[in-house]
Amino acid sequence: MNDFEHISRIRQELEALRKDLCHRMEQAQDQGDLNLLHERVSRAIKALSGQG
């Protein structure tokens, strides 16, 4: 696996994590930590996609 394939795989895993966080945020009463984590995961995805 080359570097670009590895980055692509990590990005897909982060996107799945972000989707899970969105679902959990809808159900949680205290969303502070989840919002922070969602923001950081979104930044990581943006950085890996070359838009950062």
C-alpha atoms as a PDB file:
ATOM      1  CA  MET A   1       0.000   0.000   0.000  1.00  0.00           C
ATOM      2  CA  ASN A   2       1.474   3.341  -0.981  1.00  0.00           C
ATOM      3  CA  ASP A   3       1.203   6.555   1.013  1.00  0.00           C
ATOM      4  CA  PHE A   4      -1.775   7.914  -0.931  1.00  0.00           C
ATOM      5  CA  GLU A   5      -3.754   4.712  -0.445  1.00  0.00           C
ATOM      6  CA  HIS A   6      -2.959   4.772   3.256  1.00  0.00           C
ATOM      7  CA  ILE A   7      -4.123   8.403   3.571  1.00  0.00           C
ATOM      8  CA  SER A   8      -7.292   7.588   1.649  1.00  0.00           C
ATOM      9  CA  ARG A   9      -8.051   4.695   3.989  1.00  0.00           C
ATOM     10  CA  ILE A  10      -7.493   6.832   7.070  1.00  0.00           C
ATOM     11  CA  ARG A  11      -9.739   9.540   5.619  1.00  0.00           C
ATOM     12  CA  GLN A  12     -12.513   6.990   5.059  1.00  0.00           C
ATOM     13  CA  GLU A  13     -12.186   5.808   8.656  1.00  0.00           C
ATOM     14  CA  LEU A  14     -12.397   9.406   9.894  1.00  0.00           C
ATOM     15  CA  GLU A  15     -15.502  10.002   7.773  1.00  0.00           C
ATOM     16  CA  ALA A  16     -17.128   6.946   9.345  1.00  0.00           C
ATOM     17  CA  LEU A  17     -16.183   8.250  12.794  1.00  0.00           C
ATOM     18  CA  ARG A  18     -17.662  11.667  11.977  1.00  0.00           C
ATOM     19  CA  LYS A  19     -20.899  10.036  10.829  1.00  0.00           C
ATOM     20  CA  ASP A  20     -21.074   8.096  14.096  1.00  0.00           C
ATOM     21  CA  LEU A  21     -20.417  11.275  16.073  1.00  0.00           C
ATOM     22  CA  CYS A  22     -23.263  13.054  14.265  1.00  0.00           C
ATOM     23  CA  HIS A  23     -25.605  10.238  15.205  1.00  0.00           C
ATOM     24  CA  ARG A  24     -24.464  10.301  18.836  1.00  0.00           C
ATOM     25  CA  MET A  25     -24.801  14.099  18.982  1.00  0.00           C
ATOM     26  CA  GLU A  26     -28.472  13.824  18.019  1.00  0.00           C
ATOM     27  CA  GLN A  27     -29.085  11.537  20.990  1.00  0.00           C
ATOM     28  CA  ALA A  28     -26.855  13.133  23.639  1.00  0.00           C
ATOM     29  CA  GLN A  29     -28.022  15.773  26.069  1.00  0.00           C
ATOM     30  CA  ASP A  30     -24.532  17.108  26.829  1.00  0.00           C
ATOM     31  CA  GLN A  31     -22.943  17.618  23.427  1.00  0.00           C
ATOM     32  CA  GLY A  32     -19.918  19.718  24.417  1.00  0.00           C
ATOM     33  CA  ASP A  33     -17.258  17.023  24.128  1.00  0.00           C
ATOM     34  CA  LEU A  34     -18.916  15.470  21.086  1.00  0.00           C
ATOM     35  CA  ASN A  35     -19.012  18.847  19.321  1.00  0.00           C
ATOM     36  CA  LEU A  36     -15.329  19.390  20.025  1.00  0.00           C
ATOM     37  CA  LEU A  37     -14.425  15.921  18.790  1.00  0.00           C
ATOM     38  CA  HIS A  38     -16.608  16.366  15.684  1.00  0.00           C
ATOM     39  CA  GLU A  39     -14.838  19.638  14.895  1.00  0.00           C
ATOM     40  CA  ARG A  40     -11.396  18.061  15.252  1.00  0.00           C
ATOM     41  CA  VAL A  41     -12.298  15.043  13.131  1.00  0.00           C
ATOM     42  CA  SER A  42     -13.704  17.379  10.463  1.00  0.00           C
ATOM     43  CA  ARG A  43     -10.453  19.366  10.455  1.00  0.00           C
ATOM     44  CA  ALA A  44      -8.435  16.171  10.085  1.00  0.00           C
ATOM     45  CA  ILE A  45     -10.584  15.072   7.139  1.00  0.00           C
ATOM     46  CA  LYS A  46     -10.162  18.473   5.521  1.00  0.00           C
ATOM     47  CA  ALA A  47      -6.384  18.312   6.011  1.00  0.00           C
ATOM     48  CA  LEU A  48      -6.171  14.835   4.487  1.00  0.00           C
ATOM     49  CA  SER A  49      -8.335  15.781   1.521  1.00  0.00           C
ATOM     50  CA  GLY A  50      -5.911  18.489   0.418  1.00  0.00           C
ATOM     51  CA  GLN A  51      -8.325  21.328   1.149  1.00  0.00           C
ATOM     52  CA  GLY A  52      -6.595  22.383   4.368  1.00  0.00           C
END
